[in-house]
Amino acid sequence: MTTPTWPSELRFQKAQSQLFIRFDDGHSVTIPYELLRVESPSAETKGHGGQAPPPPTRKRTVGVTGAEPVGRYALRIQFTDGHNTGLYTWTYLRELGDQKTDRMAAYEKSLAAHGLKRD
């Protein structure tokens, strides 16, 4: 089991539409707002009762209006489309940052499979 790392720096970079996080072990990641939104760990995007919904669309230009810590373990992010129910743990955010290229490719593949587009 690995020891969890904690964020030592957290910056929402509006001009680049991304979240920058530096962890206490020196590792840093950036995560595009679009990926944060479409990979929200909420029932809206993950599904209810085991059935996954189609992927969210029209999130390419989504912004962030605010964020608040949830205890010491997570972050709740408020998006410009009104979504604010996902709790992003520090471990999950690190995983999203480390896997952003693969996750975006999987998102685009899922959109295509459902006959949907990003915009």
N, C-alpha and C. Protein backbone atom coordinates (compact mmCIF):
# COMPACT_ATOMS: atom_id res chain seq x y z
N MET A 1 0.85 -1.18 0.00
CA MET A 1 0.00 0.00 0.00
C MET A 1 0.89 1.24 0.00
N THR A 2 0.55 2.18 -0.86
CA THR A 2 1.34 3.40 -0.92
C THR A 2 0.79 4.44 0.05
N THR A 3 1.66 5.28 0.51
CA THR A 3 1.26 6.36 1.40
C THR A 3 0.62 7.45 0.57
N PRO A 4 -0.58 7.92 0.96
CA PRO A 4 -1.21 8.98 0.18
C PRO A 4 -0.38 10.27 0.24
N THR A 5 -0.42 10.98 -0.83
CA THR A 5 0.27 12.28 -0.85
C THR A 5 -0.79 13.36 -0.73
N TRP A 6 -0.35 14.51 -0.27
CA TRP A 6 -1.23 15.64 -0.06
C TRP A 6 -0.83 16.78 -0.97
N PRO A 7 -1.77 17.60 -1.37
CA PRO A 7 -1.41 18.74 -2.21
C PRO A 7 -0.66 19.79 -1.40
N SER A 8 0.40 20.29 -1.97
CA SER A 8 1.12 21.38 -1.34
C SER A 8 0.86 22.69 -2.08
N GLU A 9 0.35 22.58 -3.30
CA GLU A 9 0.00 23.76 -4.10
C GLU A 9 -1.17 23.37 -4.99
N LEU A 10 -2.15 24.26 -5.07
CA LEU A 10 -3.35 24.03 -5.85
C LEU A 10 -3.72 25.35 -6.52
N ARG A 11 -3.71 25.38 -7.87
CA ARG A 11 -4.03 26.62 -8.58
C ARG A 11 -4.97 26.33 -9.74
N PHE A 12 -6.07 27.05 -9.76
CA PHE A 12 -6.97 27.00 -10.92
C PHE A 12 -6.45 28.04 -11.90
N GLN A 13 -5.99 27.56 -13.06
CA GLN A 13 -5.38 28.43 -14.06
C GLN A 13 -6.42 28.73 -15.14
N LYS A 14 -7.14 29.83 -14.91
CA LYS A 14 -8.26 30.19 -15.79
C LYS A 14 -7.84 30.35 -17.25
N ALA A 15 -6.73 31.03 -17.50
CA ALA A 15 -6.29 31.28 -18.88
C ALA A 15 -6.02 29.98 -19.65
N GLN A 16 -5.53 28.96 -18.94
CA GLN A 16 -5.24 27.66 -19.58
C GLN A 16 -6.39 26.66 -19.40
N SER A 17 -7.43 27.06 -18.66
CA SER A 17 -8.58 26.18 -18.37
C SER A 17 -8.12 24.85 -17.79
N GLN A 18 -7.29 24.95 -16.74
CA GLN A 18 -6.78 23.73 -16.11
C GLN A 18 -6.49 23.96 -14.64
N LEU A 19 -6.45 22.85 -13.93
CA LEU A 19 -6.09 22.84 -12.52
C LEU A 19 -4.65 22.34 -12.41
N PHE A 20 -3.83 23.08 -11.69
CA PHE A 20 -2.45 22.68 -11.42
C PHE A 20 -2.38 22.22 -9.96
N ILE A 21 -1.80 21.05 -9.73
CA ILE A 21 -1.61 20.55 -8.37
C ILE A 21 -0.17 20.07 -8.22
N ARG A 22 0.49 20.53 -7.15
CA ARG A 22 1.80 20.00 -6.77
C ARG A 22 1.56 19.26 -5.45
N PHE A 23 2.08 18.04 -5.40
CA PHE A 23 1.92 17.22 -4.21
C PHE A 23 3.16 17.33 -3.32
N ASP A 24 2.99 16.92 -2.06
CA ASP A 24 4.08 17.07 -1.09
C ASP A 24 5.29 16.20 -1.40
N ASP A 25 5.16 15.24 -2.34
CA ASP A 25 6.32 14.45 -2.74
C ASP A 25 7.03 15.06 -3.95
N GLY A 26 6.58 16.27 -4.38
CA GLY A 26 7.20 16.97 -5.50
C GLY A 26 6.55 16.71 -6.85
N HIS A 27 5.72 15.69 -6.95
CA HIS A 27 5.03 15.37 -8.20
C HIS A 27 3.97 16.43 -8.49
N SER A 28 3.86 16.85 -9.74
CA SER A 28 2.82 17.82 -10.09
C SER A 28 2.06 17.35 -11.32
N VAL A 29 0.80 17.78 -11.42
CA VAL A 29 -0.06 17.43 -12.54
C VAL A 29 -0.87 18.65 -12.94
N THR A 30 -1.32 18.65 -14.18
CA THR A 30 -2.33 19.61 -14.63
C THR A 30 -3.48 18.80 -15.19
N ILE A 31 -4.68 19.29 -14.95
CA ILE A 31 -5.88 18.59 -15.41
C ILE A 31 -6.79 19.61 -16.08
N PRO A 32 -7.11 19.42 -17.36
CA PRO A 32 -8.02 20.35 -18.03
C PRO A 32 -9.39 20.36 -17.35
N TYR A 33 -10.01 21.52 -17.31
CA TYR A 33 -11.34 21.63 -16.71
C TYR A 33 -12.32 20.66 -17.37
N GLU A 34 -12.24 20.53 -18.69
CA GLU A 34 -13.15 19.62 -19.39
C GLU A 34 -13.03 18.20 -18.82
N LEU A 35 -11.81 17.73 -18.62
CA LEU A 35 -11.63 16.38 -18.09
C LEU A 35 -12.13 16.29 -16.66
N LEU A 36 -11.88 17.30 -15.85
CA LEU A 36 -12.41 17.31 -14.49
C LEU A 36 -13.93 17.16 -14.51
N ARG A 37 -14.57 17.86 -15.43
CA ARG A 37 -16.04 17.85 -15.48
C ARG A 37 -16.57 16.51 -15.98
N VAL A 38 -16.01 15.99 -17.07
CA VAL A 38 -16.56 14.74 -17.63
C VAL A 38 -16.19 13.53 -16.81
N GLU A 39 -15.14 13.63 -15.98
CA GLU A 39 -14.74 12.53 -15.10
C GLU A 39 -15.16 12.80 -13.65
N SER A 40 -16.14 13.66 -13.47
CA SER A 40 -16.62 13.96 -12.12
C SER A 40 -17.04 12.67 -11.42
N PRO A 41 -16.60 12.49 -10.19
CA PRO A 41 -16.97 11.29 -9.45
C PRO A 41 -18.36 11.45 -8.81
N SER A 42 -19.33 11.80 -9.63
CA SER A 42 -20.69 12.01 -9.14
C SER A 42 -21.64 11.00 -9.79
N ALA A 43 -22.80 10.84 -9.19
CA ALA A 43 -23.79 9.92 -9.75
C ALA A 43 -24.24 10.36 -11.14
N GLU A 44 -24.22 11.67 -11.40
CA GLU A 44 -24.63 12.18 -12.71
C GLU A 44 -23.77 11.62 -13.84
N THR A 45 -22.47 11.51 -13.60
CA THR A 45 -21.58 11.02 -14.65
C THR A 45 -21.24 9.55 -14.52
N LYS A 46 -21.30 9.01 -13.31
CA LYS A 46 -20.97 7.59 -13.09
C LYS A 46 -22.19 6.68 -13.16
N GLY A 47 -23.38 7.25 -12.98
CA GLY A 47 -24.61 6.47 -13.08
C GLY A 47 -25.22 6.14 -11.73
N HIS A 48 -26.45 5.73 -11.80
CA HIS A 48 -27.21 5.32 -10.63
C HIS A 48 -27.50 3.83 -10.77
N GLY A 49 -27.35 3.07 -9.71
CA GLY A 49 -27.74 1.67 -9.72
C GLY A 49 -26.99 0.80 -10.71
N GLY A 50 -25.74 1.14 -11.01
CA GLY A 50 -24.93 0.29 -11.86
C GLY A 50 -25.04 0.53 -13.36
N GLN A 51 -25.97 1.36 -13.79
CA GLN A 51 -26.10 1.64 -15.22
C GLN A 51 -25.44 2.97 -15.54
N ALA A 52 -24.38 2.91 -16.35
CA ALA A 52 -23.65 4.13 -16.71
C ALA A 52 -24.43 4.94 -17.75
N PRO A 53 -24.54 6.25 -17.53
CA PRO A 53 -25.21 7.10 -18.51
C PRO A 53 -24.27 7.40 -19.68
N PRO A 54 -24.81 7.97 -20.76
CA PRO A 54 -23.91 8.41 -21.84
C PRO A 54 -22.98 9.48 -21.30
N PRO A 55 -21.82 9.65 -21.93
CA PRO A 55 -20.88 10.67 -21.45
C PRO A 55 -21.45 12.07 -21.62
N PRO A 56 -21.08 12.99 -20.73
CA PRO A 56 -21.53 14.38 -20.86
C PRO A 56 -20.98 15.01 -22.14
N THR A 57 -21.76 15.87 -22.73
CA THR A 57 -21.33 16.58 -23.94
C THR A 57 -21.28 18.08 -23.67
N ARG A 58 -20.71 18.80 -24.62
CA ARG A 58 -20.61 20.26 -24.57
C ARG A 58 -19.91 20.76 -23.31
N LYS A 59 -18.80 20.13 -22.96
CA LYS A 59 -18.04 20.54 -21.79
C LYS A 59 -16.66 21.07 -22.16
N ARG A 60 -16.38 21.20 -23.45
CA ARG A 60 -15.05 21.65 -23.90
C ARG A 60 -14.69 23.01 -23.32
N THR A 61 -15.67 23.90 -23.17
CA THR A 61 -15.39 25.26 -22.70
C THR A 61 -15.88 25.49 -21.26
N VAL A 62 -16.16 24.43 -20.53
CA VAL A 62 -16.62 24.60 -19.15
C VAL A 62 -15.54 25.28 -18.32
N GLY A 63 -15.98 26.11 -17.41
CA GLY A 63 -15.05 26.79 -16.52
C GLY A 63 -15.31 26.38 -15.08
N VAL A 64 -14.52 26.94 -14.19
CA VAL A 64 -14.66 26.68 -12.76
C VAL A 64 -14.98 28.01 -12.08
N THR A 65 -16.04 28.00 -11.25
CA THR A 65 -16.44 29.21 -10.54
C THR A 65 -15.98 29.21 -9.09
N GLY A 66 -15.59 28.05 -8.58
CA GLY A 66 -15.13 27.98 -7.21
C GLY A 66 -14.80 26.56 -6.81
N ALA A 67 -14.22 26.42 -5.63
CA ALA A 67 -13.89 25.11 -5.09
C ALA A 67 -13.79 25.24 -3.59
N GLU A 68 -14.09 24.13 -2.90
CA GLU A 68 -13.99 24.14 -1.45
C GLU A 68 -13.48 22.79 -0.97
N PRO A 69 -12.66 22.81 0.08
CA PRO A 69 -12.19 21.53 0.63
C PRO A 69 -13.34 20.80 1.32
N VAL A 70 -13.28 19.49 1.27
CA VAL A 70 -14.21 18.64 2.00
C VAL A 70 -13.35 17.83 2.97
N GLY A 71 -13.39 18.22 4.22
CA GLY A 71 -12.49 17.61 5.19
C GLY A 71 -11.05 17.81 4.75
N ARG A 72 -10.23 16.79 4.98
CA ARG A 72 -8.83 16.84 4.54
C ARG A 72 -8.59 15.94 3.35
N TYR A 73 -9.65 15.33 2.83
CA TYR A 73 -9.46 14.28 1.84
C TYR A 73 -9.92 14.61 0.43
N ALA A 74 -10.68 15.71 0.25
CA ALA A 74 -11.27 15.92 -1.07
C ALA A 74 -11.51 17.40 -1.34
N LEU A 75 -11.93 17.63 -2.59
CA LEU A 75 -12.23 18.96 -3.09
C LEU A 75 -13.56 18.89 -3.82
N ARG A 76 -14.44 19.83 -3.55
CA ARG A 76 -15.69 19.97 -4.31
C ARG A 76 -15.50 21.15 -5.25
N ILE A 77 -15.69 20.92 -6.55
CA ILE A 77 -15.48 21.95 -7.56
C ILE A 77 -16.82 22.38 -8.12
N GLN A 78 -17.01 23.69 -8.24
CA GLN A 78 -18.21 24.25 -8.86
C GLN A 78 -17.86 24.67 -10.29
N PHE A 79 -18.62 24.13 -11.24
CA PHE A 79 -18.38 24.41 -12.65
C PHE A 79 -19.38 25.43 -13.19
N THR A 80 -19.03 26.08 -14.28
CA THR A 80 -19.89 27.11 -14.87
C THR A 80 -21.21 26.56 -15.41
N ASP A 81 -21.30 25.25 -15.61
CA ASP A 81 -22.57 24.66 -16.06
C ASP A 81 -23.48 24.30 -14.88
N GLY A 82 -23.08 24.67 -13.65
CA GLY A 82 -23.89 24.42 -12.47
C GLY A 82 -23.56 23.13 -11.74
N HIS A 83 -22.75 22.27 -12.32
CA HIS A 83 -22.41 21.00 -11.68
C HIS A 83 -21.50 21.26 -10.48
N ASN A 84 -21.81 20.61 -9.34
CA ASN A 84 -20.98 20.78 -8.15
C ASN A 84 -21.12 19.61 -7.17
N THR A 85 -21.50 18.44 -7.65
CA THR A 85 -21.77 17.35 -6.72
C THR A 85 -20.65 16.32 -6.59
N GLY A 86 -19.63 16.38 -7.41
CA GLY A 86 -18.55 15.41 -7.31
C GLY A 86 -17.55 15.77 -6.23
N LEU A 87 -17.10 14.78 -5.47
CA LEU A 87 -16.04 14.98 -4.49
C LEU A 87 -14.76 14.35 -5.03
N TYR A 88 -13.79 15.18 -5.33
CA TYR A 88 -12.53 14.76 -5.92
C TYR A 88 -11.51 14.52 -4.81
N THR A 89 -11.20 13.27 -4.52
CA THR A 89 -10.17 13.00 -3.52
C THR A 89 -8.81 13.36 -4.11
N TRP A 90 -7.85 13.57 -3.22
CA TRP A 90 -6.50 13.90 -3.69
C TRP A 90 -5.93 12.76 -4.52
N THR A 91 -6.21 11.53 -4.12
CA THR A 91 -5.74 10.37 -4.89
C THR A 91 -6.37 10.35 -6.27
N TYR A 92 -7.66 10.64 -6.36
CA TYR A 92 -8.35 10.64 -7.65
C TYR A 92 -7.82 11.76 -8.55
N LEU A 93 -7.58 12.93 -7.98
CA LEU A 93 -7.04 14.03 -8.78
C LEU A 93 -5.66 13.69 -9.33
N ARG A 94 -4.83 13.07 -8.51
CA ARG A 94 -3.50 12.67 -8.99
C ARG A 94 -3.64 11.65 -10.13
N GLU A 95 -4.55 10.70 -9.96
CA GLU A 95 -4.79 9.70 -11.00
C GLU A 95 -5.28 10.36 -12.29
N LEU A 96 -6.22 11.30 -12.20
CA LEU A 96 -6.69 12.01 -13.39
C LEU A 96 -5.56 12.73 -14.10
N GLY A 97 -4.72 13.40 -13.31
CA GLY A 97 -3.59 14.12 -13.90
C GLY A 97 -2.61 13.19 -14.58
N ASP A 98 -2.31 12.07 -13.94
CA ASP A 98 -1.35 11.12 -14.50
C ASP A 98 -1.91 10.40 -15.72
N GLN A 99 -3.21 10.25 -15.80
CA GLN A 99 -3.85 9.49 -16.88
C GLN A 99 -4.64 10.36 -17.85
N LYS A 100 -4.40 11.68 -17.85
CA LYS A 100 -5.27 12.58 -18.62
C LYS A 100 -5.31 12.26 -20.11
N THR A 101 -4.20 11.88 -20.72
CA THR A 101 -4.20 11.58 -22.15
C THR A 101 -5.06 10.35 -22.44
N ASP A 102 -4.86 9.29 -21.67
CA ASP A 102 -5.66 8.07 -21.87
C ASP A 102 -7.13 8.30 -21.55
N ARG A 103 -7.40 9.07 -20.51
CA ARG A 103 -8.79 9.33 -20.13
C ARG A 103 -9.51 10.18 -21.17
N MET A 104 -8.82 11.16 -21.74
CA MET A 104 -9.45 11.96 -22.80
C MET A 104 -9.72 11.11 -24.03
N ALA A 105 -8.79 10.23 -24.37
CA ALA A 105 -8.99 9.34 -25.52
C ALA A 105 -10.18 8.41 -25.26
N ALA A 106 -10.31 7.89 -24.05
CA ALA A 106 -11.43 7.01 -23.71
C ALA A 106 -12.74 7.79 -23.75
N TYR A 107 -12.73 9.02 -23.29
CA TYR A 107 -13.92 9.88 -23.33
C TYR A 107 -14.35 10.11 -24.78
N GLU A 108 -13.41 10.46 -25.64
CA GLU A 108 -13.74 10.69 -27.05
C GLU A 108 -14.25 9.41 -27.71
N LYS A 109 -13.68 8.28 -27.37
CA LYS A 109 -14.13 7.00 -27.90
C LYS A 109 -15.56 6.68 -27.43
N SER A 110 -15.84 6.96 -26.18
CA SER A 110 -17.18 6.74 -25.64
C SER A 110 -18.20 7.66 -26.31
N LEU A 111 -17.82 8.90 -26.54
CA LEU A 111 -18.71 9.82 -27.26
C LEU A 111 -19.06 9.26 -28.62
N ALA A 112 -18.04 8.83 -29.37
CA ALA A 112 -18.25 8.28 -30.71
C ALA A 112 -19.16 7.05 -30.66
N ALA A 113 -18.94 6.19 -29.68
CA ALA A 113 -19.75 4.98 -29.55
C ALA A 113 -21.22 5.30 -29.30
N HIS A 114 -21.48 6.45 -28.66
CA HIS A 114 -22.86 6.87 -28.39
C HIS A 114 -23.40 7.82 -29.47
N GLY A 115 -22.58 8.05 -30.52
CA GLY A 115 -23.01 8.96 -31.58
C GLY A 115 -23.06 10.41 -31.14
N LEU A 116 -22.21 10.76 -30.18
CA LEU A 116 -22.19 12.12 -29.62
C LEU A 116 -20.89 12.82 -30.00
N LYS A 117 -20.89 14.16 -29.83
CA LYS A 117 -19.70 14.96 -30.08
C LYS A 117 -19.38 15.80 -28.85
N ARG A 118 -18.14 16.25 -28.76
CA ARG A 118 -17.71 17.05 -27.61
C ARG A 118 -18.46 18.37 -27.52
N ASP A 119 -18.75 18.99 -28.67
CA ASP A 119 -19.40 20.31 -28.66
C ASP A 119 -20.88 20.23 -28.93
